[in-house]
C-alpha cells in the first residue's frame, strides 16, 4: 500500500455555528490555511449545532466518504 501525499488527501472540516467551545470563526480559519498549504479541504457549517455531532452531519460525512472512496478505486 502506498502512502498518499497530504496534498492528495481530501479533508472534510465541519463546524457547528453555535459551538461554545471552539469559536465558529476559529473553525472557519482552518480550511483556508490548509488550502494555502495545497491541501483539498471542504468546510461545512451546521446552523444550530454546538460542540457536538448531528445526524445531518453524519449523513453528509457518509456521502462524502463514499464519493471519495468510489473515485479512488
N, C-alpha and C. Protein backbone atom coordinates (compact mmCIF):
# COMPACT_ATOMS: atom_id res chain seq x y z
N UNK A 1 0.84 -1.18 0.00
CA UNK A 1 0.00 0.00 0.00
C UNK A 1 0.88 1.24 0.00
N UNK A 2 0.59 2.17 -0.88
CA UNK A 2 1.36 3.40 -0.97
C UNK A 2 0.80 4.45 -0.01
N UNK A 3 1.69 5.25 0.52
CA UNK A 3 1.26 6.38 1.34
C UNK A 3 0.88 7.53 0.42
N UNK A 4 -0.22 8.17 0.70
CA UNK A 4 -0.64 9.33 -0.08
C UNK A 4 0.03 10.57 0.46
N UNK A 5 0.37 11.46 -0.44
CA UNK A 5 0.86 12.76 -0.02
C UNK A 5 -0.29 13.52 0.60
N UNK A 6 0.03 14.39 1.54
CA UNK A 6 -1.01 15.17 2.20
C UNK A 6 -1.86 15.94 1.20
N UNK A 7 -1.24 16.44 0.15
CA UNK A 7 -2.00 17.20 -0.85
C UNK A 7 -3.00 16.34 -1.61
N UNK A 8 -2.85 15.02 -1.52
CA UNK A 8 -3.77 14.11 -2.21
C UNK A 8 -4.84 13.57 -1.26
N UNK A 9 -4.82 13.99 -0.02
CA UNK A 9 -5.78 13.51 0.96
C UNK A 9 -6.82 14.59 1.24
N UNK A 10 -8.04 14.41 0.75
CA UNK A 10 -9.07 15.43 0.97
C UNK A 10 -9.51 15.45 2.44
N UNK A 11 -9.88 16.62 2.90
CA UNK A 11 -10.33 16.80 4.28
C UNK A 11 -11.71 17.43 4.28
N UNK A 12 -12.58 16.89 5.11
CA UNK A 12 -13.88 17.50 5.37
C UNK A 12 -13.82 18.11 6.76
N UNK A 13 -14.03 19.41 6.84
CA UNK A 13 -13.96 20.14 8.11
C UNK A 13 -15.36 20.66 8.41
N UNK A 14 -15.98 20.11 9.42
CA UNK A 14 -17.34 20.50 9.81
C UNK A 14 -17.30 21.29 11.11
N UNK A 15 -18.24 22.23 11.23
CA UNK A 15 -18.27 23.04 12.45
C UNK A 15 -19.68 23.52 12.73
N UNK A 16 -20.09 23.39 13.98
CA UNK A 16 -21.38 23.92 14.40
C UNK A 16 -21.30 25.43 14.61
N UNK A 17 -22.25 26.14 14.09
CA UNK A 17 -22.23 27.61 14.16
C UNK A 17 -22.36 28.12 15.59
N UNK A 18 -23.06 27.38 16.45
CA UNK A 18 -23.22 27.84 17.84
C UNK A 18 -22.31 27.08 18.81
N UNK A 19 -21.18 26.61 18.32
CA UNK A 19 -20.20 25.91 19.16
C UNK A 19 -19.70 26.86 20.25
N UNK A 20 -19.91 26.50 21.51
CA UNK A 20 -19.47 27.32 22.62
C UNK A 20 -18.09 26.97 23.14
N UNK A 21 -17.47 25.95 22.58
CA UNK A 21 -16.13 25.52 23.00
C UNK A 21 -15.08 26.07 22.03
N UNK A 22 -15.27 25.80 20.75
CA UNK A 22 -14.37 26.31 19.71
C UNK A 22 -15.16 27.33 18.90
N UNK A 23 -14.75 28.57 18.94
CA UNK A 23 -15.48 29.61 18.23
C UNK A 23 -15.61 29.27 16.75
N UNK A 24 -16.78 29.58 16.19
CA UNK A 24 -17.03 29.30 14.79
C UNK A 24 -15.99 29.97 13.90
N UNK A 25 -15.60 31.20 14.24
CA UNK A 25 -14.61 31.93 13.45
C UNK A 25 -13.26 31.19 13.44
N UNK A 26 -12.93 30.55 14.55
CA UNK A 26 -11.69 29.77 14.61
C UNK A 26 -11.79 28.56 13.68
N UNK A 27 -12.96 27.94 13.66
CA UNK A 27 -13.17 26.81 12.76
C UNK A 27 -13.09 27.21 11.31
N UNK A 28 -13.62 28.38 10.99
CA UNK A 28 -13.57 28.87 9.61
C UNK A 28 -12.15 29.18 9.16
N UNK A 29 -11.27 29.49 10.09
CA UNK A 29 -9.90 29.88 9.73
C UNK A 29 -9.05 28.68 9.31
N UNK A 30 -9.42 27.49 9.72
CA UNK A 30 -8.60 26.31 9.42
C UNK A 30 -8.52 25.93 7.95
N UNK A 31 -9.64 25.77 7.27
CA UNK A 31 -9.60 25.34 5.87
C UNK A 31 -8.78 26.23 4.94
N UNK A 32 -8.90 27.57 5.00
CA UNK A 32 -8.06 28.39 4.13
C UNK A 32 -6.56 28.18 4.38
N UNK A 33 -6.21 27.97 5.64
CA UNK A 33 -4.81 27.70 5.98
C UNK A 33 -4.34 26.41 5.30
N UNK A 34 -5.16 25.37 5.36
CA UNK A 34 -4.81 24.10 4.72
C UNK A 34 -4.75 24.24 3.20
N UNK A 35 -5.71 24.97 2.63
CA UNK A 35 -5.73 25.16 1.18
C UNK A 35 -4.50 25.91 0.69
N UNK A 36 -4.03 26.88 1.48
CA UNK A 36 -2.80 27.60 1.12
C UNK A 36 -1.60 26.66 1.14
N UNK A 37 -1.69 25.60 1.94
CA UNK A 37 -0.61 24.61 2.00
C UNK A 37 -0.77 23.53 0.93
N UNK A 38 -1.80 23.67 0.09
CA UNK A 38 -2.00 22.72 -1.00
C UNK A 38 -2.89 21.54 -0.67
N UNK A 39 -3.61 21.62 0.43
CA UNK A 39 -4.48 20.52 0.85
C UNK A 39 -5.92 20.83 0.44
N UNK A 40 -6.60 19.85 -0.13
CA UNK A 40 -8.00 20.00 -0.50
C UNK A 40 -8.85 19.90 0.76
N UNK A 41 -9.59 20.96 1.06
CA UNK A 41 -10.37 20.99 2.29
C UNK A 41 -11.75 21.60 2.03
N UNK A 42 -12.77 20.85 2.36
CA UNK A 42 -14.14 21.35 2.24
C UNK A 42 -14.64 21.72 3.63
N UNK A 43 -15.18 22.92 3.76
CA UNK A 43 -15.73 23.39 5.04
C UNK A 43 -17.25 23.32 4.98
N UNK A 44 -17.85 22.74 6.00
CA UNK A 44 -19.31 22.63 6.06
C UNK A 44 -19.77 23.13 7.42
N UNK A 45 -20.62 24.14 7.41
CA UNK A 45 -21.15 24.73 8.64
C UNK A 45 -22.54 24.16 8.93
N UNK A 46 -22.82 23.99 10.21
CA UNK A 46 -24.11 23.46 10.63
C UNK A 46 -24.82 24.44 11.57
N UNK A 47 -25.85 25.14 11.06
CA UNK A 47 -26.61 26.08 11.89
C UNK A 47 -27.27 25.35 13.07
N UNK A 48 -27.24 25.98 14.21
CA UNK A 48 -27.90 25.42 15.39
C UNK A 48 -27.11 24.33 16.09
N UNK A 49 -25.99 23.92 15.54
CA UNK A 49 -25.19 22.85 16.14
C UNK A 49 -24.10 23.44 17.02
N UNK A 50 -23.98 22.90 18.22
CA UNK A 50 -22.93 23.32 19.14
C UNK A 50 -21.69 22.45 18.98
N UNK A 51 -21.03 22.16 20.08
CA UNK A 51 -19.81 21.35 20.08
C UNK A 51 -20.21 19.88 20.18
N UNK A 52 -20.81 19.39 19.12
CA UNK A 52 -21.32 18.03 19.08
C UNK A 52 -21.44 17.60 17.62
N UNK A 53 -22.11 16.48 17.41
CA UNK A 53 -22.31 15.99 16.05
C UNK A 53 -23.81 15.70 15.87
N UNK A 54 -24.29 15.87 14.67
CA UNK A 54 -25.72 15.66 14.40
C UNK A 54 -25.90 14.55 13.37
N UNK A 55 -27.13 14.05 13.27
CA UNK A 55 -27.43 13.04 12.25
C UNK A 55 -27.21 13.60 10.86
N UNK A 56 -27.56 14.87 10.66
CA UNK A 56 -27.35 15.52 9.36
C UNK A 56 -25.86 15.51 9.00
N UNK A 57 -25.03 15.82 9.96
CA UNK A 57 -23.59 15.84 9.73
C UNK A 57 -23.06 14.44 9.43
N UNK A 58 -23.53 13.45 10.16
CA UNK A 58 -23.10 12.07 9.92
C UNK A 58 -23.52 11.58 8.54
N UNK A 59 -24.73 11.93 8.12
CA UNK A 59 -25.20 11.53 6.79
C UNK A 59 -24.35 12.17 5.70
N UNK A 60 -24.00 13.45 5.89
CA UNK A 60 -23.16 14.12 4.90
C UNK A 60 -21.77 13.49 4.88
N UNK A 61 -21.23 13.18 6.04
CA UNK A 61 -19.91 12.54 6.12
C UNK A 61 -19.93 11.19 5.39
N UNK A 62 -20.97 10.41 5.60
CA UNK A 62 -21.09 9.12 4.93
C UNK A 62 -21.08 9.30 3.41
N UNK A 63 -21.86 10.24 2.91
CA UNK A 63 -21.92 10.51 1.48
C UNK A 63 -20.57 11.00 0.96
N UNK A 64 -19.95 11.90 1.69
CA UNK A 64 -18.65 12.46 1.32
C UNK A 64 -17.59 11.36 1.22
N UNK A 65 -17.58 10.47 2.21
CA UNK A 65 -16.61 9.36 2.20
C UNK A 65 -16.86 8.40 1.04
N UNK A 66 -18.12 8.03 0.83
CA UNK A 66 -18.45 7.10 -0.25
C UNK A 66 -18.02 7.65 -1.60
N UNK A 67 -18.26 8.93 -1.83
CA UNK A 67 -17.88 9.56 -3.09
C UNK A 67 -16.38 9.47 -3.30
N UNK A 68 -15.61 9.76 -2.28
CA UNK A 68 -14.15 9.74 -2.41
C UNK A 68 -13.59 8.33 -2.51
N UNK A 69 -14.19 7.39 -1.80
CA UNK A 69 -13.72 6.01 -1.87
C UNK A 69 -14.02 5.40 -3.23
N UNK A 70 -15.17 5.73 -3.81
CA UNK A 70 -15.53 5.21 -5.13
C UNK A 70 -14.61 5.78 -6.20
N UNK A 71 -14.26 7.05 -6.08
CA UNK A 71 -13.43 7.68 -7.10
C UNK A 71 -11.96 7.27 -6.99
N UNK A 72 -11.57 6.71 -5.84
CA UNK A 72 -10.17 6.30 -5.67
C UNK A 72 -9.93 4.85 -6.06
N UNK A 73 -11.00 4.10 -6.32
CA UNK A 73 -10.80 2.68 -6.66
C UNK A 73 -10.85 2.43 -8.15
